[in-house]
Amino acid sequence: MKPVQPDEALSAIVGATPLPRGELTKKLWDYIKKHGLQDPAKKTLINADEALKKVFNGKGQVTMFEMTKLVSGHVK
């Protein structure tokens, strides 16, 4: 897969080097799990910390599907 370049907001989470989309998604999930951001009651929801709010356009909580769409707006 062709590497994509994360923008500044996403780089704070996954790093600044270009990554294949699959690797980017893996690093994003590693971050979510490490910081306990998956909603314990409803696993399809992601609770944003300050770094993720920048990627999620200011939203405090998004679904997994919405997350994929929002992340796509932060890669070149």
N, C-alpha and C. Protein backbone atom coordinates (compact mmCIF):
# COMPACT_ATOMS: atom_id res chain seq x y z
N MET A 1 0.83 -1.19 0.00
CA MET A 1 0.00 0.00 0.00
C MET A 1 0.87 1.25 0.00
N LYS A 2 0.40 2.26 -0.70
CA LYS A 2 1.11 3.53 -0.78
C LYS A 2 1.04 4.25 0.58
N PRO A 3 2.18 4.72 1.09
CA PRO A 3 2.15 5.46 2.36
C PRO A 3 1.39 6.78 2.24
N VAL A 4 0.73 7.15 3.33
CA VAL A 4 0.04 8.44 3.42
C VAL A 4 0.76 9.29 4.46
N GLN A 5 0.70 10.60 4.30
CA GLN A 5 1.37 11.53 5.21
C GLN A 5 0.35 12.11 6.19
N PRO A 6 0.47 11.80 7.50
CA PRO A 6 -0.44 12.40 8.48
C PRO A 6 -0.17 13.90 8.62
N ASP A 7 -1.24 14.68 8.82
CA ASP A 7 -1.06 16.11 9.06
C ASP A 7 -0.59 16.33 10.50
N GLU A 8 -0.47 17.58 10.90
CA GLU A 8 0.09 17.91 12.23
C GLU A 8 -0.74 17.33 13.37
N ALA A 9 -2.07 17.43 13.29
CA ALA A 9 -2.93 16.92 14.36
C ALA A 9 -2.81 15.41 14.51
N LEU A 10 -2.82 14.70 13.40
CA LEU A 10 -2.73 13.24 13.44
C LEU A 10 -1.31 12.78 13.78
N SER A 11 -0.31 13.55 13.38
CA SER A 11 1.09 13.21 13.69
C SER A 11 1.35 13.15 15.18
N ALA A 12 0.62 13.94 15.96
CA ALA A 12 0.79 13.93 17.41
C ALA A 12 0.42 12.56 18.00
N ILE A 13 -0.36 11.78 17.25
CA ILE A 13 -0.83 10.47 17.73
C ILE A 13 -0.04 9.33 17.10
N VAL A 14 0.17 9.38 15.78
CA VAL A 14 0.77 8.25 15.07
C VAL A 14 2.20 8.48 14.61
N GLY A 15 2.72 9.69 14.81
CA GLY A 15 4.07 10.01 14.34
C GLY A 15 4.01 10.75 13.01
N ALA A 16 5.11 11.41 12.66
CA ALA A 16 5.13 12.30 11.50
C ALA A 16 5.57 11.63 10.20
N THR A 17 6.06 10.38 10.28
CA THR A 17 6.56 9.74 9.06
C THR A 17 5.40 9.15 8.25
N PRO A 18 5.52 9.13 6.93
CA PRO A 18 4.47 8.52 6.10
C PRO A 18 4.30 7.04 6.43
N LEU A 19 3.04 6.60 6.46
CA LEU A 19 2.71 5.21 6.81
C LEU A 19 1.69 4.66 5.83
N PRO A 20 1.72 3.34 5.57
CA PRO A 20 0.60 2.75 4.84
C PRO A 20 -0.66 2.91 5.69
N ARG A 21 -1.81 3.03 5.06
CA ARG A 21 -3.06 3.28 5.79
C ARG A 21 -3.33 2.23 6.87
N GLY A 22 -3.02 0.97 6.59
CA GLY A 22 -3.23 -0.10 7.57
C GLY A 22 -2.39 0.09 8.82
N GLU A 23 -1.14 0.50 8.63
CA GLU A 23 -0.25 0.75 9.76
C GLU A 23 -0.71 1.97 10.55
N LEU A 24 -1.20 2.98 9.86
CA LEU A 24 -1.72 4.18 10.51
C LEU A 24 -2.90 3.81 11.41
N THR A 25 -3.81 2.99 10.88
CA THR A 25 -4.97 2.56 11.65
C THR A 25 -4.54 1.75 12.87
N LYS A 26 -3.54 0.89 12.71
CA LYS A 26 -3.04 0.09 13.83
C LYS A 26 -2.47 1.00 14.92
N LYS A 27 -1.68 1.99 14.53
CA LYS A 27 -1.10 2.91 15.52
C LYS A 27 -2.19 3.72 16.21
N LEU A 28 -3.21 4.11 15.47
CA LEU A 28 -4.32 4.85 16.06
C LEU A 28 -5.04 4.00 17.11
N TRP A 29 -5.29 2.73 16.80
CA TRP A 29 -5.93 1.83 17.76
C TRP A 29 -5.04 1.55 18.96
N ASP A 30 -3.74 1.43 18.73
CA ASP A 30 -2.81 1.25 19.85
C ASP A 30 -2.93 2.43 20.81
N TYR A 31 -3.01 3.64 20.27
CA TYR A 31 -3.14 4.85 21.08
C TYR A 31 -4.45 4.83 21.86
N ILE A 32 -5.55 4.48 21.18
CA ILE A 32 -6.87 4.44 21.83
C ILE A 32 -6.86 3.43 22.98
N LYS A 33 -6.30 2.26 22.75
CA LYS A 33 -6.27 1.22 23.79
C LYS A 33 -5.34 1.61 24.94
N LYS A 34 -4.17 2.16 24.62
CA LYS A 34 -3.20 2.55 25.65
C LYS A 34 -3.79 3.58 26.60
N HIS A 35 -4.60 4.50 26.07
CA HIS A 35 -5.18 5.58 26.88
C HIS A 35 -6.60 5.27 27.35
N GLY A 36 -7.09 4.07 27.10
CA GLY A 36 -8.43 3.66 27.58
C GLY A 36 -9.55 4.53 27.02
N LEU A 37 -9.50 4.83 25.73
CA LEU A 37 -10.47 5.75 25.14
C LEU A 37 -11.67 5.07 24.49
N GLN A 38 -11.68 3.74 24.45
CA GLN A 38 -12.84 3.04 23.92
C GLN A 38 -13.89 3.02 25.01
N ASP A 39 -15.12 3.41 24.69
CA ASP A 39 -16.19 3.48 25.68
C ASP A 39 -16.45 2.08 26.27
N PRO A 40 -16.39 1.95 27.61
CA PRO A 40 -16.55 0.63 28.21
C PRO A 40 -17.97 0.06 28.06
N ALA A 41 -18.97 0.93 28.01
CA ALA A 41 -20.36 0.47 27.90
C ALA A 41 -20.73 0.12 26.46
N LYS A 42 -20.27 0.91 25.52
CA LYS A 42 -20.59 0.68 24.10
C LYS A 42 -19.29 0.72 23.32
N LYS A 43 -18.75 -0.45 23.01
CA LYS A 43 -17.41 -0.59 22.43
C LYS A 43 -17.25 0.07 21.06
N THR A 44 -18.34 0.42 20.39
CA THR A 44 -18.23 1.05 19.07
C THR A 44 -17.98 2.55 19.18
N LEU A 45 -17.97 3.09 20.39
CA LEU A 45 -17.74 4.53 20.59
C LEU A 45 -16.32 4.78 21.08
N ILE A 46 -15.74 5.86 20.56
CA ILE A 46 -14.40 6.27 20.97
C ILE A 46 -14.54 7.63 21.67
N ASN A 47 -14.03 7.72 22.90
CA ASN A 47 -14.03 8.97 23.65
C ASN A 47 -12.72 9.69 23.36
N ALA A 48 -12.81 10.93 22.94
CA ALA A 48 -11.62 11.68 22.53
C ALA A 48 -10.93 12.36 23.70
N ASP A 49 -9.60 12.27 23.75
CA ASP A 49 -8.82 13.11 24.64
C ASP A 49 -8.47 14.37 23.85
N GLU A 50 -7.66 15.25 24.39
CA GLU A 50 -7.36 16.52 23.70
C GLU A 50 -6.71 16.31 22.33
N ALA A 51 -5.80 15.33 22.23
CA ALA A 51 -5.12 15.08 20.94
C ALA A 51 -6.12 14.56 19.90
N LEU A 52 -7.00 13.66 20.31
CA LEU A 52 -7.98 13.11 19.36
C LEU A 52 -9.05 14.12 18.99
N LYS A 53 -9.39 15.02 19.89
CA LYS A 53 -10.39 16.05 19.56
C LYS A 53 -9.96 16.86 18.34
N LYS A 54 -8.65 17.09 18.21
CA LYS A 54 -8.14 17.83 17.05
C LYS A 54 -8.37 17.04 15.77
N VAL A 55 -8.24 15.74 15.84
CA VAL A 55 -8.47 14.87 14.68
C VAL A 55 -9.98 14.70 14.42
N PHE A 56 -10.77 14.69 15.49
CA PHE A 56 -12.22 14.48 15.39
C PHE A 56 -13.00 15.79 15.22
N ASN A 57 -12.33 16.84 14.79
CA ASN A 57 -12.97 18.15 14.55
C ASN A 57 -13.69 18.68 15.78
N GLY A 58 -13.10 18.47 16.96
CA GLY A 58 -13.64 19.03 18.19
C GLY A 58 -14.68 18.15 18.88
N LYS A 59 -15.05 17.04 18.28
CA LYS A 59 -16.08 16.17 18.89
C LYS A 59 -15.47 15.40 20.06
N GLY A 60 -16.25 15.21 21.11
CA GLY A 60 -15.79 14.50 22.29
C GLY A 60 -15.95 12.99 22.18
N GLN A 61 -16.85 12.56 21.29
CA GLN A 61 -17.09 11.13 21.13
C GLN A 61 -17.54 10.86 19.70
N VAL A 62 -17.01 9.81 19.09
CA VAL A 62 -17.39 9.43 17.73
C VAL A 62 -17.53 7.91 17.66
N THR A 63 -18.23 7.43 16.63
CA THR A 63 -18.32 5.99 16.40
C THR A 63 -17.05 5.55 15.65
N MET A 64 -16.79 4.26 15.64
CA MET A 64 -15.63 3.73 14.91
C MET A 64 -15.72 4.11 13.42
N PHE A 65 -16.91 4.06 12.87
CA PHE A 65 -17.10 4.35 11.45
C PHE A 65 -16.88 5.83 11.15
N GLU A 66 -17.36 6.68 12.04
CA GLU A 66 -17.15 8.12 11.89
C GLU A 66 -15.66 8.45 12.04
N MET A 67 -14.99 7.73 12.94
CA MET A 67 -13.57 7.94 13.16
C MET A 67 -12.78 7.74 11.86
N THR A 68 -13.10 6.66 11.14
CA THR A 68 -12.40 6.37 9.88
C THR A 68 -12.55 7.52 8.90
N LYS A 69 -13.76 8.06 8.79
CA LYS A 69 -14.01 9.17 7.89
C LYS A 69 -13.25 10.42 8.32
N LEU A 70 -13.26 10.71 9.62
CA LEU A 70 -12.57 11.91 10.12
C LEU A 70 -11.06 11.80 9.96
N VAL A 71 -10.49 10.63 10.18
CA VAL A 71 -9.05 10.42 10.04
C VAL A 71 -8.63 10.63 8.59
N SER A 72 -9.47 10.20 7.66
CA SER A 72 -9.15 10.37 6.23
C SER A 72 -8.93 11.83 5.84
N GLY A 73 -9.57 12.73 6.56
CA GLY A 73 -9.39 14.15 6.30
C GLY A 73 -8.06 14.71 6.81
N HIS A 74 -7.30 13.87 7.52
CA HIS A 74 -6.03 14.32 8.11
C HIS A 74 -4.80 13.65 7.49
N VAL A 75 -4.99 13.06 6.30
CA VAL A 75 -3.86 12.46 5.59
C VAL A 75 -3.77 13.01 4.18
N LYS A 76 -2.55 13.00 3.63
CA LYS A 76 -2.32 13.49 2.27
C LYS A 76 -1.88 12.33 1.39
